[in-house]
N, C-alpha and C. Protein backbone atom coordinates (compact mmCIF):
# COMPACT_ATOMS: atom_id res chain seq x y z
N UNK A 1 8.64 4.70 -78.69
CA UNK A 1 7.19 4.80 -78.74
C UNK A 1 6.55 4.04 -77.56
N UNK A 2 6.98 2.80 -77.34
CA UNK A 2 6.44 2.01 -76.24
C UNK A 2 6.74 2.67 -74.91
N UNK A 3 7.95 3.17 -74.76
CA UNK A 3 8.33 3.83 -73.51
C UNK A 3 7.46 5.05 -73.25
N UNK A 4 7.18 5.81 -74.29
CA UNK A 4 6.33 7.00 -74.16
C UNK A 4 4.91 6.60 -73.73
N UNK A 5 4.39 5.53 -74.33
CA UNK A 5 3.06 5.06 -73.96
C UNK A 5 3.02 4.60 -72.50
N UNK A 6 4.08 3.92 -72.07
CA UNK A 6 4.13 3.47 -70.69
C UNK A 6 4.24 4.65 -69.73
N UNK A 7 5.03 5.65 -70.10
CA UNK A 7 5.14 6.85 -69.26
C UNK A 7 3.78 7.52 -69.11
N UNK A 8 3.08 7.65 -70.23
CA UNK A 8 1.76 8.29 -70.22
C UNK A 8 0.78 7.51 -69.34
N UNK A 9 0.76 6.21 -69.51
CA UNK A 9 -0.15 5.37 -68.73
C UNK A 9 0.19 5.45 -67.24
N UNK A 10 1.46 5.56 -66.94
CA UNK A 10 1.90 5.65 -65.54
C UNK A 10 1.47 6.99 -64.93
N UNK A 11 1.67 8.06 -65.66
CA UNK A 11 1.29 9.38 -65.16
C UNK A 11 -0.22 9.48 -64.96
N UNK A 12 -0.97 8.90 -65.90
CA UNK A 12 -2.43 8.96 -65.83
C UNK A 12 -3.01 7.85 -64.95
N UNK A 13 -2.13 7.00 -64.42
CA UNK A 13 -2.53 5.89 -63.56
C UNK A 13 -3.56 4.98 -64.23
N UNK A 14 -3.31 4.66 -65.48
CA UNK A 14 -4.18 3.79 -66.26
C UNK A 14 -3.69 2.35 -66.11
N UNK A 15 -4.20 1.69 -65.11
CA UNK A 15 -3.73 0.35 -64.75
C UNK A 15 -3.94 -0.64 -65.89
N UNK A 16 -5.10 -0.60 -66.52
CA UNK A 16 -5.38 -1.53 -67.62
C UNK A 16 -4.41 -1.32 -68.78
N UNK A 17 -4.13 -0.08 -69.08
CA UNK A 17 -3.21 0.24 -70.18
C UNK A 17 -1.79 -0.22 -69.85
N UNK A 18 -1.38 -0.04 -68.60
CA UNK A 18 -0.06 -0.50 -68.18
C UNK A 18 0.05 -2.01 -68.37
N UNK A 19 -0.99 -2.72 -67.99
CA UNK A 19 -1.00 -4.17 -68.12
C UNK A 19 -0.86 -4.59 -69.58
N UNK A 20 -1.59 -3.94 -70.45
CA UNK A 20 -1.51 -4.25 -71.89
C UNK A 20 -0.10 -3.98 -72.41
N UNK A 21 0.45 -2.85 -72.03
CA UNK A 21 1.79 -2.50 -72.49
C UNK A 21 2.86 -3.48 -72.00
N UNK A 22 2.71 -3.92 -70.76
CA UNK A 22 3.67 -4.89 -70.23
C UNK A 22 3.61 -6.18 -71.05
N UNK A 23 2.41 -6.59 -71.42
CA UNK A 23 2.27 -7.80 -72.22
C UNK A 23 2.80 -7.64 -73.64
N UNK A 24 2.91 -6.41 -74.11
CA UNK A 24 3.39 -6.13 -75.47
C UNK A 24 4.82 -5.57 -75.47
N UNK A 25 5.58 -5.83 -74.43
CA UNK A 25 6.91 -5.24 -74.30
C UNK A 25 7.81 -5.64 -75.47
N UNK A 26 8.39 -4.65 -76.13
CA UNK A 26 9.29 -4.95 -77.27
C UNK A 26 10.70 -5.28 -76.78
N UNK A 27 11.53 -5.67 -77.72
CA UNK A 27 12.96 -5.83 -77.42
C UNK A 27 13.60 -4.46 -77.59
N UNK A 28 14.44 -4.10 -76.65
CA UNK A 28 15.04 -2.77 -76.69
C UNK A 28 16.39 -2.82 -77.39
N UNK A 29 16.72 -1.72 -78.04
CA UNK A 29 17.94 -1.68 -78.85
C UNK A 29 19.15 -1.16 -78.09
N UNK A 30 18.90 -0.33 -77.09
CA UNK A 30 20.02 0.27 -76.37
C UNK A 30 19.91 0.01 -74.87
N UNK A 31 21.04 0.12 -74.22
CA UNK A 31 21.07 -0.04 -72.77
C UNK A 31 20.25 1.05 -72.10
N UNK A 32 20.29 2.25 -72.64
CA UNK A 32 19.52 3.37 -72.07
C UNK A 32 18.03 3.05 -72.10
N UNK A 33 17.55 2.49 -73.20
CA UNK A 33 16.13 2.13 -73.29
C UNK A 33 15.78 1.05 -72.28
N UNK A 34 16.68 0.08 -72.11
CA UNK A 34 16.44 -1.00 -71.14
C UNK A 34 16.38 -0.44 -69.72
N UNK A 35 17.29 0.47 -69.41
CA UNK A 35 17.30 1.07 -68.07
C UNK A 35 16.04 1.88 -67.83
N UNK A 36 15.63 2.63 -68.84
CA UNK A 36 14.42 3.44 -68.71
C UNK A 36 13.19 2.54 -68.53
N UNK A 37 13.13 1.46 -69.30
CA UNK A 37 12.01 0.52 -69.18
C UNK A 37 12.01 -0.11 -67.79
N UNK A 38 13.17 -0.49 -67.29
CA UNK A 38 13.26 -1.09 -65.96
C UNK A 38 12.76 -0.12 -64.89
N UNK A 39 13.16 1.13 -65.00
CA UNK A 39 12.71 2.14 -64.04
C UNK A 39 11.19 2.31 -64.12
N UNK A 40 10.66 2.42 -65.32
CA UNK A 40 9.22 2.60 -65.49
C UNK A 40 8.44 1.39 -64.99
N UNK A 41 8.98 0.20 -65.20
CA UNK A 41 8.32 -1.01 -64.70
C UNK A 41 8.32 -1.03 -63.18
N UNK A 42 9.40 -0.58 -62.59
CA UNK A 42 9.46 -0.51 -61.12
C UNK A 42 8.42 0.49 -60.60
N UNK A 43 8.30 1.63 -61.26
CA UNK A 43 7.30 2.62 -60.85
C UNK A 43 5.89 2.09 -61.05
N UNK A 44 5.69 1.32 -62.10
CA UNK A 44 4.38 0.70 -62.35
C UNK A 44 4.04 -0.27 -61.23
N UNK A 45 5.03 -1.03 -60.80
CA UNK A 45 4.81 -1.98 -59.69
C UNK A 45 4.41 -1.23 -58.42
N UNK A 46 5.08 -0.14 -58.14
CA UNK A 46 4.76 0.67 -56.96
C UNK A 46 3.33 1.19 -57.05
N UNK A 47 2.96 1.69 -58.23
CA UNK A 47 1.61 2.20 -58.44
C UNK A 47 0.58 1.10 -58.22
N UNK A 48 0.82 -0.07 -58.76
CA UNK A 48 -0.11 -1.18 -58.60
C UNK A 48 -0.25 -1.59 -57.13
N UNK A 49 0.84 -1.59 -56.41
CA UNK A 49 0.78 -1.93 -54.99
C UNK A 49 -0.01 -0.88 -54.21
N UNK A 50 0.16 0.39 -54.56
CA UNK A 50 -0.60 1.45 -53.89
C UNK A 50 -2.09 1.30 -54.18
N UNK A 51 -2.42 1.02 -55.43
CA UNK A 51 -3.83 0.85 -55.81
C UNK A 51 -4.43 -0.37 -55.10
N UNK A 52 -3.65 -1.42 -54.95
CA UNK A 52 -4.12 -2.61 -54.25
C UNK A 52 -4.45 -2.28 -52.79
N UNK A 53 -3.58 -1.52 -52.15
CA UNK A 53 -3.81 -1.11 -50.76
C UNK A 53 -5.05 -0.22 -50.67
N UNK A 54 -5.18 0.74 -51.59
CA UNK A 54 -6.34 1.62 -51.59
C UNK A 54 -7.63 0.83 -51.77
N UNK A 55 -7.61 -0.13 -52.67
CA UNK A 55 -8.79 -0.96 -52.92
C UNK A 55 -9.16 -1.76 -51.68
N UNK A 56 -8.17 -2.34 -51.03
CA UNK A 56 -8.43 -3.11 -49.81
C UNK A 56 -9.03 -2.21 -48.72
N UNK A 57 -8.50 -0.99 -48.60
CA UNK A 57 -9.04 -0.06 -47.60
C UNK A 57 -10.47 0.33 -47.92
N UNK A 58 -10.75 0.58 -49.19
CA UNK A 58 -12.11 0.94 -49.62
C UNK A 58 -13.07 -0.20 -49.34
N UNK A 59 -12.65 -1.42 -49.66
CA UNK A 59 -13.51 -2.58 -49.39
C UNK A 59 -13.77 -2.75 -47.90
N UNK A 60 -12.76 -2.51 -47.09
CA UNK A 60 -12.94 -2.62 -45.63
C UNK A 60 -13.91 -1.55 -45.13
N UNK A 61 -13.81 -0.33 -45.67
CA UNK A 61 -14.73 0.73 -45.28
C UNK A 61 -16.16 0.39 -45.67
N UNK A 62 -16.33 -0.19 -46.86
CA UNK A 62 -17.66 -0.60 -47.29
C UNK A 62 -18.22 -1.70 -46.38
N UNK A 63 -17.37 -2.65 -46.05
CA UNK A 63 -17.79 -3.73 -45.15
C UNK A 63 -18.21 -3.16 -43.80
N UNK A 64 -17.41 -2.25 -43.27
CA UNK A 64 -17.75 -1.63 -41.98
C UNK A 64 -19.07 -0.88 -42.06
N UNK A 65 -19.28 -0.16 -43.16
CA UNK A 65 -20.54 0.58 -43.34
C UNK A 65 -21.72 -0.37 -43.41
N UNK A 66 -21.57 -1.47 -44.16
CA UNK A 66 -22.65 -2.44 -44.25
C UNK A 66 -22.94 -3.08 -42.90
N UNK A 67 -21.89 -3.42 -42.16
CA UNK A 67 -22.08 -4.00 -40.83
C UNK A 67 -22.81 -3.02 -39.92
N UNK A 68 -22.46 -1.74 -40.00
CA UNK A 68 -23.11 -0.73 -39.18
C UNK A 68 -24.59 -0.62 -39.55
N UNK A 69 -24.86 -0.55 -40.85
CA UNK A 69 -26.25 -0.43 -41.29
C UNK A 69 -27.07 -1.64 -40.86
N UNK A 70 -26.49 -2.82 -40.97
CA UNK A 70 -27.20 -4.03 -40.54
C UNK A 70 -27.46 -4.01 -39.05
N UNK A 71 -26.52 -3.50 -38.28
CA UNK A 71 -26.70 -3.49 -36.83
C UNK A 71 -27.73 -2.47 -36.38
N UNK A 72 -28.00 -1.46 -37.18
CA UNK A 72 -28.97 -0.43 -36.79
C UNK A 72 -30.36 -0.70 -37.34
N UNK A 73 -30.52 -1.75 -38.15
CA UNK A 73 -31.84 -2.09 -38.68
C UNK A 73 -32.73 -2.57 -37.55
N UNK A 74 -33.99 -2.23 -37.66
CA UNK A 74 -34.96 -2.73 -36.69
C UNK A 74 -35.11 -4.23 -36.91
N UNK A 75 -35.05 -4.97 -35.85
CA UNK A 75 -35.18 -6.42 -35.98
C UNK A 75 -36.65 -6.75 -36.23
N UNK A 76 -36.87 -7.56 -37.24
CA UNK A 76 -38.23 -7.96 -37.57
C UNK A 76 -38.65 -9.10 -36.65
N UNK A 77 -39.87 -9.01 -36.19
CA UNK A 77 -40.38 -10.11 -35.37
C UNK A 77 -41.18 -11.03 -36.26
N UNK A 78 -40.93 -12.28 -36.11
CA UNK A 78 -41.65 -13.28 -36.89
C UNK A 78 -42.75 -13.87 -36.02
N UNK A 79 -43.81 -14.28 -36.66
CA UNK A 79 -44.94 -14.82 -35.91
C UNK A 79 -44.57 -16.10 -35.18
N UNK A 80 -43.50 -16.76 -35.60
CA UNK A 80 -43.12 -18.00 -34.93
C UNK A 80 -42.11 -17.77 -33.82
N UNK A 81 -41.67 -16.55 -33.63
CA UNK A 81 -40.76 -16.25 -32.53
C UNK A 81 -41.56 -16.26 -31.23
N UNK A 82 -41.28 -17.21 -30.40
CA UNK A 82 -41.97 -17.31 -29.12
C UNK A 82 -41.00 -16.96 -28.03
N UNK A 83 -41.34 -15.92 -27.28
CA UNK A 83 -40.48 -15.52 -26.18
C UNK A 83 -41.23 -15.81 -24.89
N UNK A 84 -40.61 -16.52 -24.00
CA UNK A 84 -41.23 -16.86 -22.73
C UNK A 84 -40.60 -16.09 -21.62
């Protein structure tokens, strides 16, 4: 049952659900179940690393967009700005 839930969460890329399932990991009865769990955990790790990279790239794109927008804003002149 737990393995099926982890497979489903992995396929649907449900990061929060994967995290919950990892915290609730049962003791396995057979070597086959242990091997399957190990494989699924490895795939979960790969997925999390990919999502981390995607998030970092998205944040960098947002930062670049904000920097661009700030650089194209008209500079406001203040009454105390004295230019000689």
